[in-house]
Protein backbone atom coordinates (compact mmCIF):
# COMPACT_ATOMS: atom_id res chain seq x y z
CA MET A 1 -37.65 -4.58 -24.03
CA THR A 2 -39.47 -1.87 -22.09
CA THR A 3 -40.24 1.67 -23.17
CA GLN A 4 -39.65 4.72 -20.98
CA GLU A 5 -41.10 8.13 -21.86
CA VAL A 6 -38.89 11.12 -22.59
CA THR A 7 -39.50 14.08 -24.89
CA MET A 8 -38.10 12.71 -28.19
CA GLU A 9 -40.25 12.03 -31.25
CA THR A 10 -39.88 8.30 -30.56
CA PRO A 11 -39.97 7.03 -26.95
CA LEU A 12 -36.72 5.94 -25.35
CA GLN A 13 -36.25 2.19 -25.71
CA LEU A 14 -34.51 0.53 -22.75
CA ALA A 15 -33.43 -3.11 -22.95
CA TRP A 16 -32.35 -5.25 -19.97
CA ILE A 17 -30.12 -8.16 -21.02
CA HIS A 18 -29.28 -10.49 -18.12
CA VAL A 19 -29.97 -7.45 -15.90
CA GLU A 20 -32.81 -7.21 -13.37
CA PRO A 21 -34.89 -4.11 -14.26
CA SER A 22 -34.28 -1.32 -11.78
CA GLU A 23 -36.24 1.93 -11.53
CA PRO A 24 -33.25 3.91 -10.11
CA LEU A 25 -31.11 2.69 -13.00
CA ALA A 26 -33.87 3.46 -15.51
CA GLU A 27 -34.17 6.98 -14.08
CA ARG A 28 -30.39 7.41 -14.41
CA VAL A 29 -30.74 6.52 -18.12
CA ARG A 30 -33.67 8.90 -18.62
CA GLU A 31 -31.80 11.76 -16.94
CA ALA A 32 -28.69 11.11 -19.07
CA VAL A 33 -30.84 11.20 -22.22
CA ARG A 34 -32.50 14.44 -21.09
CA ARG A 35 -29.04 16.02 -20.67
CA LEU A 36 -28.15 14.94 -24.22
CA GLU A 37 -31.39 16.46 -25.50
CA ARG A 38 -30.52 19.77 -23.86
CA PHE A 39 -27.11 19.63 -25.57
CA HIS A 40 -28.39 18.46 -28.98
CA GLY A 41 -32.02 19.45 -29.39
CA ARG A 42 -32.61 17.46 -32.60
CA ILE A 43 -32.40 13.91 -31.17
CA THR A 44 -35.37 11.96 -32.54
CA GLY A 45 -34.85 8.59 -30.87
CA CYS A 46 -32.63 6.65 -28.49
CA THR A 47 -32.12 2.97 -27.69
CA VAL A 48 -30.13 1.91 -24.61
CA ALA A 49 -29.23 -1.73 -23.89
CA LEU A 50 -27.84 -2.67 -20.47
CA GLU A 51 -26.11 -6.05 -20.61
CA ALA A 52 -24.62 -8.12 -17.81
CA PRO A 53 -22.29 -11.08 -18.33
CA SER A 54 -24.29 -14.23 -18.99
CA ARG A 55 -24.39 -16.76 -16.18
CA HIS A 56 -21.88 -18.86 -18.12
CA HIS A 57 -19.29 -16.02 -18.18
CA ARG A 58 -19.79 -14.32 -14.83
CA ASN A 59 -16.84 -16.07 -13.23
CA ALA A 60 -14.47 -15.35 -16.12
CA GLY A 61 -13.88 -11.66 -15.45
CA ALA A 62 -16.49 -10.52 -17.97
CA GLN A 63 -17.81 -6.98 -17.69
CA TYR A 64 -21.08 -5.14 -18.00
CA ARG A 65 -21.72 -3.54 -21.35
CA VAL A 66 -23.86 -0.55 -22.32
CA ARG A 67 -24.93 0.06 -25.92
CA ILE A 68 -26.43 3.42 -26.92
CA GLU A 69 -27.85 4.34 -30.30
CA LEU A 70 -28.96 7.94 -30.84
CA ARG A 71 -30.89 8.96 -33.94
CA PHE A 72 -31.19 12.48 -35.31
CA PRO A 73 -31.89 14.04 -38.73
CA GLY A 74 -29.11 13.10 -41.10
CA GLY A 75 -27.34 10.54 -38.96
CA ARG A 76 -26.91 8.57 -35.77
CA ALA A 77 -24.35 7.96 -33.03
CA VAL A 78 -23.62 4.50 -31.66
CA VAL A 79 -21.58 3.50 -28.61
CA GLY A 80 -20.95 0.04 -27.17
CA ARG A 81 -18.92 0.37 -24.00
CA ALA A 82 -17.57 -1.60 -21.02
CA PRO A 83 -15.33 -0.11 -18.32
CA PRO A 84 -11.54 -0.68 -18.59
CA ARG A 85 -10.70 -4.26 -17.64
CA SER A 86 -8.66 -3.30 -14.60
CA ARG A 87 -11.37 -1.17 -12.96
CA ASP A 88 -15.11 -1.24 -12.21
CA ARG A 89 -15.68 -4.61 -13.88
CA ALA A 90 -18.88 -5.21 -11.95
CA ASP A 91 -20.16 -1.62 -11.86
CA LEU A 92 -23.01 -1.11 -14.30
CA TYR A 93 -23.37 2.54 -13.28
CA ALA A 94 -19.72 3.16 -14.23
CA ALA A 95 -20.27 1.54 -17.63
CA LEU A 96 -23.42 3.61 -18.13
CA ASN A 97 -21.71 6.89 -17.26
CA ALA A 98 -18.76 6.10 -19.55
CA ALA A 99 -21.05 5.20 -22.46
CA PHE A 100 -22.99 8.46 -22.20
CA ARG A 101 -19.71 10.40 -22.04
CA ASP A 102 -18.63 8.63 -25.24
CA VAL A 103 -21.84 9.39 -27.10
CA ARG A 104 -21.72 13.04 -26.02
CA ARG A 105 -18.17 13.27 -27.41
CA GLN A 106 -19.48 11.91 -30.71
CA LEU A 107 -22.15 14.61 -30.76
CA GLU A 108 -19.56 17.29 -29.93
CA ASP A 109 -17.28 16.04 -32.74
CA ARG A 110 -20.19 16.09 -35.16
CA GLN A 111 -21.08 19.62 -34.13
CA ARG A 112 -17.48 20.78 -34.63
CA ARG A 113 -17.46 19.27 -38.12
CA MET A 114 -20.71 21.04 -38.92
CA ASP A 115 -19.23 24.29 -37.63
CA GLY A 116 -16.20 23.85 -39.88
CA ARG A 117 -13.75 23.60 -36.98
CA VAL A 118 -12.78 20.03 -37.93
CA LYS A 119 -12.30 18.82 -41.48
CA ALA A 120 -14.85 16.08 -42.07
CA HIS A 121 -12.50 14.27 -44.45
CA GLU A 122 -9.59 14.17 -42.01
CA ALA A 123 -8.29 10.58 -41.82
CA PRO A 124 -7.96 8.79 -38.47
CA PRO A 125 -4.40 8.28 -37.25
CA HIS A 126 -2.34 5.18 -38.06
CA GLY A 127 -0.66 2.81 -35.64
CA VAL A 128 0.50 -0.77 -35.25
CA VAL A 129 -0.38 -3.45 -32.73
CA ALA A 130 2.29 -3.35 -30.02
CA ARG A 131 0.86 -5.98 -27.67
CA ILE A 132 -2.20 -8.20 -27.93
CA PHE A 133 -3.82 -10.68 -25.56
CA HIS A 134 -6.25 -12.76 -27.59
CA GLY A 135 -7.41 -14.81 -24.62
CA GLU A 136 -8.21 -11.69 -22.59
CA GLY A 137 -9.79 -9.72 -25.44
CA PHE A 138 -7.63 -6.58 -25.42
CA GLY A 139 -4.34 -5.14 -26.60
CA PHE A 140 -2.28 -1.98 -27.11
CA LEU A 141 -1.48 0.04 -30.22
CA ARG A 142 1.74 1.96 -30.78
CA THR A 143 1.43 5.36 -32.44
CA PRO A 144 4.03 7.04 -34.69
CA ASP A 145 4.97 9.29 -31.74
CA ASP A 146 5.65 6.16 -29.64
CA ARG A 147 2.58 6.28 -27.39
CA GLU A 148 0.57 3.20 -26.39
CA ILE A 149 -3.22 3.19 -26.86
CA TYR A 150 -5.45 0.58 -25.19
CA PHE A 151 -8.13 -1.19 -27.25
CA ASP A 152 -10.46 -4.12 -26.70
CA ALA A 153 -11.90 -6.74 -29.02
CA ARG A 154 -15.25 -4.97 -29.41
CA SER A 155 -13.57 -1.86 -30.82
CA VAL A 156 -12.08 -3.77 -33.80
CA LEU A 157 -14.21 -3.46 -36.92
CA ARG A 158 -15.61 -6.41 -38.85
CA GLY A 159 -14.74 -8.87 -36.07
CA GLY A 160 -11.06 -8.63 -36.95
CA PHE A 161 -9.62 -8.89 -33.43
CA ASP A 162 -8.59 -12.55 -33.75
CA ARG A 163 -6.69 -11.80 -36.97
CA LEU A 164 -4.56 -9.07 -35.42
CA GLU A 165 -0.99 -9.82 -34.41
CA ILE A 166 1.98 -7.82 -33.19
CA GLY A 167 2.98 -5.41 -35.95
CA SER A 168 -0.42 -5.38 -37.69
CA PRO A 169 -1.08 -1.89 -39.13
CA VAL A 170 -4.37 -0.19 -38.19
CA ARG A 171 -6.26 3.08 -38.34
CA PHE A 172 -7.91 4.06 -35.07
CA VAL A 173 -10.03 6.70 -33.38
CA GLU A 174 -8.56 7.82 -30.05
CA GLU A 175 -10.57 8.92 -27.03
CA PRO A 176 -9.72 9.61 -23.38
CA GLY A 177 -10.40 6.69 -21.03
CA GLU A 178 -10.57 6.41 -17.27
CA GLU A 179 -6.99 5.09 -17.16
CA GLY A 180 -5.49 6.88 -20.15
CA PRO A 181 -6.00 7.06 -23.91
CA GLN A 182 -7.91 4.26 -25.62
CA ALA A 183 -9.17 3.45 -29.11
CA SER A 184 -12.94 3.52 -29.58
CA THR A 185 -12.63 2.17 -33.15
CA VAL A 186 -9.83 0.10 -34.70
CA ALA A 187 -9.76 -0.66 -38.44
CA PRO A 188 -7.18 -3.26 -39.52
CA LEU A 189 -5.19 -2.37 -42.65
CA ARG A 190 -3.53 -4.65 -45.15
CA ARG A 191 0.20 -5.04 -44.80
CA ARG A 192 2.18 -3.65 -47.70
CA ALA A 193 3.71 -6.36 -49.78
CA ALA A 194 7.49 -6.64 -49.48
CA PRO A 195 9.34 -5.69 -52.68
CA ALA A 196 10.29 -8.67 -54.81
CA ALA A 197 13.91 -9.80 -54.57
CA PRO A 198 15.94 -9.09 -57.72
CA ALA A 199 16.38 -12.07 -60.01
CA GLN A 200 19.70 -13.86 -59.65
CA PRO A 201 21.86 -13.78 -62.80
């Protein structure tokens, strides 16, 4: 891990995982963090990890991943993001830009809650798994208004992706993606037990 200077209380931490360190890429990260600081002046620390597919998985359609953790008084924001599977699979800059957009949306949502424009206790929407591709690591949710929302394995909490099946109920957090709506967080729910059959006379 290398450390790059910005103006936060704690220096920006930048990790390169299976990625050759690049000064232009590091400068892109520093500039993105500076823009976040201008938007949210109370950021105290930031860690950014840039991860390429391991050599073992590079021929299997794996994608770059960017993980961002921002720290500020009273909380933090965390994003782990890869581009949509059908686009920009090998573009680390695209993954980086998408991840910083995601973390800025988290900061904006937090600010709206603090301003009272969004109820902090408002529950995430419900849905069910409409289609799932375990071997490919992604699927689609169906919402009560009959929309389909893309999600990938990393968005499912507690490593529950492999336990999902068609019809599984979930709560999810929706966000705009490059190819349409997608779920940034998916929380599997327990199925309601079917009512017991009446006893036969």
